[in-house]
C-alpha atoms as a PDB file:
ATOM      1  CA  MET A   1     145.019  97.048 147.950  1.00  0.00           C
ATOM      2  CA  LEU A   2     144.988  93.314 147.484  1.00  0.00           C
ATOM      3  CA  LEU A   3     141.281  93.328 149.282  1.00  0.00           C
ATOM      4  CA  SER A   4     140.277  96.057 146.622  1.00  0.00           C
ATOM      5  CA  ARG A   5     141.684  93.726 143.726  1.00  0.00           C
ATOM      6  CA  SER A   6     139.687  90.676 145.361  1.00  0.00           C
ATOM      7  CA  PHE A   7     136.488  92.510 145.073  1.00  0.00           C
ATOM      8  CA  THR A   8     136.895  93.622 141.882  1.00  0.00           C
ATOM      9  CA  VAL A   9     137.761  89.948 140.466  1.00  0.00           C
ATOM     10  CA  ILE A  10     134.691  88.668 142.419  1.00  0.00           C
ATOM     11  CA  GLY A  11     132.687  91.350 140.820  1.00  0.00           C
ATOM     12  CA  LEU A  12     133.753  90.700 137.394  1.00  0.00           C
ATOM     13  CA  GLY A  13     133.252  87.229 138.035  1.00  0.00           C
ATOM     14  CA  LEU A  14     129.462  87.593 139.047  1.00  0.00           C
ATOM     15  CA  CYS A  15     128.709  89.845 136.418  1.00  0.00           C
ATOM     16  CA  LEU A  16     129.778  87.604 133.880  1.00  0.00           C
ATOM     17  CA  ALA A  17     128.135  84.539 135.557  1.00  0.00           C
ATOM     18  CA  THR A  18     124.712  86.466 135.364  1.00  0.00           C
ATOM     19  CA  ALA A  19     125.231  88.240 131.480  1.00  0.00           C
ATOM     20  CA  CYS A  20     125.705  91.299 133.182  1.00  0.00           C
ATOM     21  CA  GLY A  21     125.210  93.941 130.358  1.00  0.00           C
ATOM     22  CA  SER A  22     124.061  91.470 127.978  1.00  0.00           C
ATOM     23  CA  ASP A  23     122.113  92.958 125.016  1.00  0.00           C
ATOM     24  CA  GLU A  24     119.689  90.142 124.648  1.00  0.00           C
ATOM     25  CA  PRO A  25     115.726  90.700 125.302  1.00  0.00           C
ATOM     26  CA  ASP A  26     114.077  88.624 127.580  1.00  0.00           C
ATOM     27  CA  PRO A  27     110.870  87.009 125.985  1.00  0.00           C
ATOM     28  CA  ASP A  28     109.693  86.359 129.450  1.00  0.00           C
ATOM     29  CA  GLU A  29     110.263  89.660 131.298  1.00  0.00           C
ATOM     30  CA  GLU A  30     107.844  90.597 133.718  1.00  0.00           C
ATOM     31  CA  VAL A  31     105.955  93.991 132.710  1.00  0.00           C
ATOM     32  CA  ASN A  32     103.073  95.719 134.690  1.00  0.00           C
ATOM     33  CA  CYS A  33     101.238  97.547 132.209  1.00  0.00           C
ATOM     34  CA  ALA A  34      99.164  99.308 134.551  1.00  0.00           C
ATOM     35  CA  GLU A  35     102.064 101.517 135.213  1.00  0.00           C
ATOM     36  CA  GLU A  36     103.058 102.284 131.680  1.00  0.00           C
ATOM     37  CA  THR A  37     101.867 105.670 130.868  1.00  0.00           C
ATOM     38  CA  ARG A  38     103.251 106.118 127.053  1.00  0.00           C
ATOM     39  CA  ASP A  39     100.603 103.509 125.724  1.00  0.00           C
ATOM     40  CA  ASP A  40      97.190 103.779 123.804  1.00  0.00           C
ATOM     41  CA  GLU A  41      93.978 102.279 125.422  1.00  0.00           C
ATOM     42  CA  PHE A  42      92.902 100.246 122.834  1.00  0.00           C
ATOM     43  CA  VAL A  43      89.345 100.896 121.518  1.00  0.00           C
ATOM     44  CA  ALA A  44      88.006  99.463 118.294  1.00  0.00           C
ATOM     45  CA  GLY A  45      88.056 102.289 115.523  1.00  0.00           C
ATOM     46  CA  MET A  46      90.477 104.375 117.626  1.00  0.00           C
ATOM     47  CA  SER A  47      92.055 106.963 115.458  1.00  0.00           C
ATOM     48  CA  LYS A  48      95.446 108.665 115.009  1.00  0.00           C
ATOM     49  CA  ALA A  49      95.953 111.949 113.073  1.00  0.00           C
ATOM     50  CA  GLY A  50      98.966 112.091 110.777  1.00  0.00           C
ATOM     51  CA  ASP A  51     100.079 115.012 109.014  1.00  0.00           C
ATOM     52  CA  LEU A  52      97.746 114.307 105.749  1.00  0.00           C
ATOM     53  CA  TRP A  53      95.544 111.678 106.638  1.00  0.00           C
ATOM     54  CA  THR A  54      93.966 109.757 109.684  1.00  0.00           C
ATOM     55  CA  PHE A  55      94.752 106.365 110.544  1.00  0.00           C
ATOM     56  CA  ARG A  56      92.198 104.173 112.298  1.00  0.00           C
ATOM     57  CA  LEU A  57      92.744 101.052 113.832  1.00  0.00           C
ATOM     58  CA  MET A  58      89.414  99.349 113.068  1.00  0.00           C
ATOM     59  CA  ASP A  59      89.985  95.935 114.896  1.00  0.00           C
ATOM     60  CA  ALA A  60      92.745  93.324 116.395  1.00  0.00           C
ATOM     61  CA  THR A  61      92.838  89.783 117.074  1.00  0.00           C
ATOM     62  CA  PRO A  62      93.457  89.227 119.522  1.00  0.00           C
ATOM     63  CA  ALA A  63      91.893  92.517 121.079  1.00  0.00           C
ATOM     64  CA  PRO A  64      93.502  94.159 122.725  1.00  0.00           C
ATOM     65  CA  PRO A  65      96.632  93.467 121.107  1.00  0.00           C
ATOM     66  CA  ASP A  66      98.634  90.673 122.883  1.00  0.00           C
ATOM     67  CA  LYS A  67     101.928  88.932 122.898  1.00  0.00           C
ATOM     68  CA  GLY A  68     102.654  86.905 119.811  1.00  0.00           C
ATOM     69  CA  ASP A  69     100.953  87.455 116.225  1.00  0.00           C
ATOM     70  CA  ASN A  70      98.223  89.894 115.911  1.00  0.00           C
ATOM     71  CA  SER A  71      96.001  90.826 113.121  1.00  0.00           C
ATOM     72  CA  TRP A  72      94.851  94.139 112.465  1.00  0.00           C
ATOM     73  CA  SER A  73      92.435  95.988 110.165  1.00  0.00           C
ATOM     74  CA  VAL A  74      93.683  99.684 109.716  1.00  0.00           C
ATOM     75  CA  ARG A  75      91.550 102.243 107.539  1.00  0.00           C
ATOM     76  CA  VAL A  76      93.210 105.077 106.164  1.00  0.00           C
ATOM     77  CA  GLU A  77      90.950 108.693 105.581  1.00  0.00           C
ATOM     78  CA  GLN A  78      91.106 111.749 104.160  1.00  0.00           C
ATOM     79  CA  GLU A  79      88.089 113.900 105.498  1.00  0.00           C
ATOM     80  CA  GLU A  80      86.520 110.662 106.255  1.00  0.00           C
ATOM     81  CA  ALA A  81      86.880 109.035 103.010  1.00  0.00           C
ATOM     82  CA  GLY A  82      88.990 105.918 102.615  1.00  0.00           C
ATOM     83  CA  LEU A  83      91.984 106.044 100.446  1.00  0.00           C
ATOM     84  CA  GLU A  84      92.450 102.897  98.463  1.00  0.00           C
ATOM     85  CA  GLY A  85      95.667 101.679  96.593  1.00  0.00           C
ATOM     86  CA  LEU A  86      98.130 103.086  99.333  1.00  0.00           C
ATOM     87  CA  ASN A  87     101.419 101.425  99.801  1.00  0.00           C
ATOM     88  CA  LEU A  88     101.628 100.505 103.531  1.00  0.00           C
ATOM     89  CA  THR A  89     104.655  99.803 105.403  1.00  0.00           C
ATOM     90  CA  VAL A  90     104.311  98.166 109.179  1.00  0.00           C
ATOM     91  CA  THR A  91     106.919  98.790 111.497  1.00  0.00           C
ATOM     92  CA  PRO A  92     106.652  97.346 115.164  1.00  0.00           C
ATOM     93  CA  PHE A  93     109.399  98.474 117.406  1.00  0.00           C
ATOM     94  CA  MET A  94     110.044  98.287 121.291  1.00  0.00           C
ATOM     95  CA  PRO A  95     111.609 101.814 122.056  1.00  0.00           C
ATOM     96  CA  ASP A  96     112.821 100.738 125.508  1.00  0.00           C
ATOM     97  CA  HIS A  97     114.814  97.629 124.203  1.00  0.00           C
ATOM     98  CA  GLY A  98     115.863  99.322 120.896  1.00  0.00           C
ATOM     99  CA  HIS A  99     114.562  96.488 118.729  1.00  0.00           C
ATOM    100  CA  GLY A 100     111.723  95.415 116.169  1.00  0.00           C
ATOM    101  CA  THR A 101     110.369  91.919 115.366  1.00  0.00           C
ATOM    102  CA  PRO A 102     112.090  89.202 113.120  1.00  0.00           C
ATOM    103  CA  ILE A 103     108.808  88.934 111.468  1.00  0.00           C
ATOM    104  CA  ASP A 104     107.450  91.542 108.582  1.00  0.00           C
ATOM    105  CA  PRO A 105     103.917  92.417 108.732  1.00  0.00           C
ATOM    106  CA  GLN A 106     102.164  91.775 105.481  1.00  0.00           C
ATOM    107  CA  VAL A 107      99.701  94.154 104.308  1.00  0.00           C
ATOM    108  CA  THR A 108      96.727  93.414 102.201  1.00  0.00           C
ATOM    109  CA  ASP A 109      94.684  96.145 100.301  1.00  0.00           C
ATOM    110  CA  GLU A 110      90.969  95.074 100.974  1.00  0.00           C
ATOM    111  CA  GLY A 111      89.616  98.051  98.962  1.00  0.00           C
ATOM    112  CA  GLY A 112      87.727 101.150 100.246  1.00  0.00           C
ATOM    113  CA  GLY A 113      90.700 102.287 102.475  1.00  0.00           C
ATOM    114  CA  ASP A 114      90.628  99.380 104.364  1.00  0.00           C
ATOM    115  CA  TYR A 115      94.208  97.664 104.920  1.00  0.00           C
ATOM    116  CA  ARG A 116      94.613  94.062 106.692  1.00  0.00           C
ATOM    117  CA  LEU A 117      97.913  93.987 108.692  1.00  0.00           C
ATOM    118  CA  ALA A 118      99.365  90.454 109.539  1.00  0.00           C
ATOM    119  CA  PRO A 119     100.952  89.256 111.369  1.00  0.00           C
ATOM    120  CA  VAL A 120     102.018  92.388 113.498  1.00  0.00           C
ATOM    121  CA  ASN A 121     104.254  90.513 115.690  1.00  0.00           C
ATOM    122  CA  MET A 122     104.448  91.716 119.329  1.00  0.00           C
ATOM    123  CA  TRP A 123     106.770  88.719 120.433  1.00  0.00           C
ATOM    124  CA  MET A 124     107.807  89.695 124.299  1.00  0.00           C
ATOM    125  CA  PRO A 125     106.297  91.984 126.912  1.00  0.00           C
ATOM    126  CA  GLY A 126     106.686  95.647 127.119  1.00  0.00           C
ATOM    127  CA  LEU A 127     105.997  98.754 125.495  1.00  0.00           C
ATOM    128  CA  TRP A 128     105.704  98.277 121.333  1.00  0.00           C
ATOM    129  CA  GLN A 129     105.144 101.372 119.175  1.00  0.00           C
ATOM    130  CA  VAL A 130     103.719 100.289 115.871  1.00  0.00           C
ATOM    131  CA  THR A 131     104.069 102.843 112.977  1.00  0.00           C
ATOM    132  CA  VAL A 132     101.951 102.490 110.082  1.00  0.00           C
ATOM    133  CA  GLU A 133     103.540 104.630 106.753  1.00  0.00           C
ATOM    134  CA  ALA A 134     101.344 105.043 103.861  1.00  0.00           C
ATOM    135  CA  GLN A 135     102.347 106.542 100.642  1.00  0.00           C
ATOM    136  CA  ASP A 136     100.369 107.728  97.439  1.00  0.00           C
ATOM    137  CA  GLY A 137     102.880 108.825  94.979  1.00  0.00           C
ATOM    138  CA  ASP A 138     105.170 111.698  96.494  1.00  0.00           C
ATOM    139  CA  GLN A 139     102.720 111.937  99.267  1.00  0.00           C
ATOM    140  CA  LEU A 140     103.889 110.154 102.645  1.00  0.00           C
ATOM    141  CA  ASP A 141     102.102 110.067 106.320  1.00  0.00           C
ATOM    142  CA  SER A 142     102.473 107.975 109.090  1.00  0.00           C
ATOM    143  CA  ALA A 143     100.885 107.158 112.514  1.00  0.00           C
ATOM    144  CA  VAL A 144     102.025 105.436 115.575  1.00  0.00           C
ATOM    145  CA  PHE A 145      99.925 103.059 117.797  1.00  0.00           C
ATOM    146  CA  ALA A 146     101.322 102.327 120.997  1.00  0.00           C
ATOM    147  CA  PHE A 147     100.323  99.080 123.359  1.00  0.00           C
ATOM    148  CA  CYS A 148     101.923  97.390 126.448  1.00  0.00           C
ATOM    149  CA  ILE A 149     102.157  93.867 126.140  1.00  0.00           C
ATOM    150  CA  GLN A 150     101.627  92.455 129.512  1.00  0.00           C
ATOM    151  CA  GLY A 151     104.251  89.838 130.819  1.00  0.00           C
END
């Protein structure tokens, strides 16, 4: 009985010493994106179909998207015509960690259905899902671009 308690105390001490159960994400975590199957392969002009509109990631700097601040050019279309004047919201999120980013991407309407999103901050390695939501009056649509950030 005493031996069992000793192992329990030692185990608890080791757990506390190594931040066992810590919810703090590790920005230097090693990630092998070659093993990730839930991500998209970046190709300039790649598209995602929403329920109403098509969302195209026209370009990204850096390309493919990488750790840190990224700048994206997104085009929102309906039947290949760009949709101007939409209200866009951009939400980067790490589903495996349950968190987003502390930096809110700013959206610049460049006209003709083209929008600049910057910074799209993916500050740590792993799978990022970036939701682009577009609203025009009472019409709302979205698409998700998923990229694995190597680390």
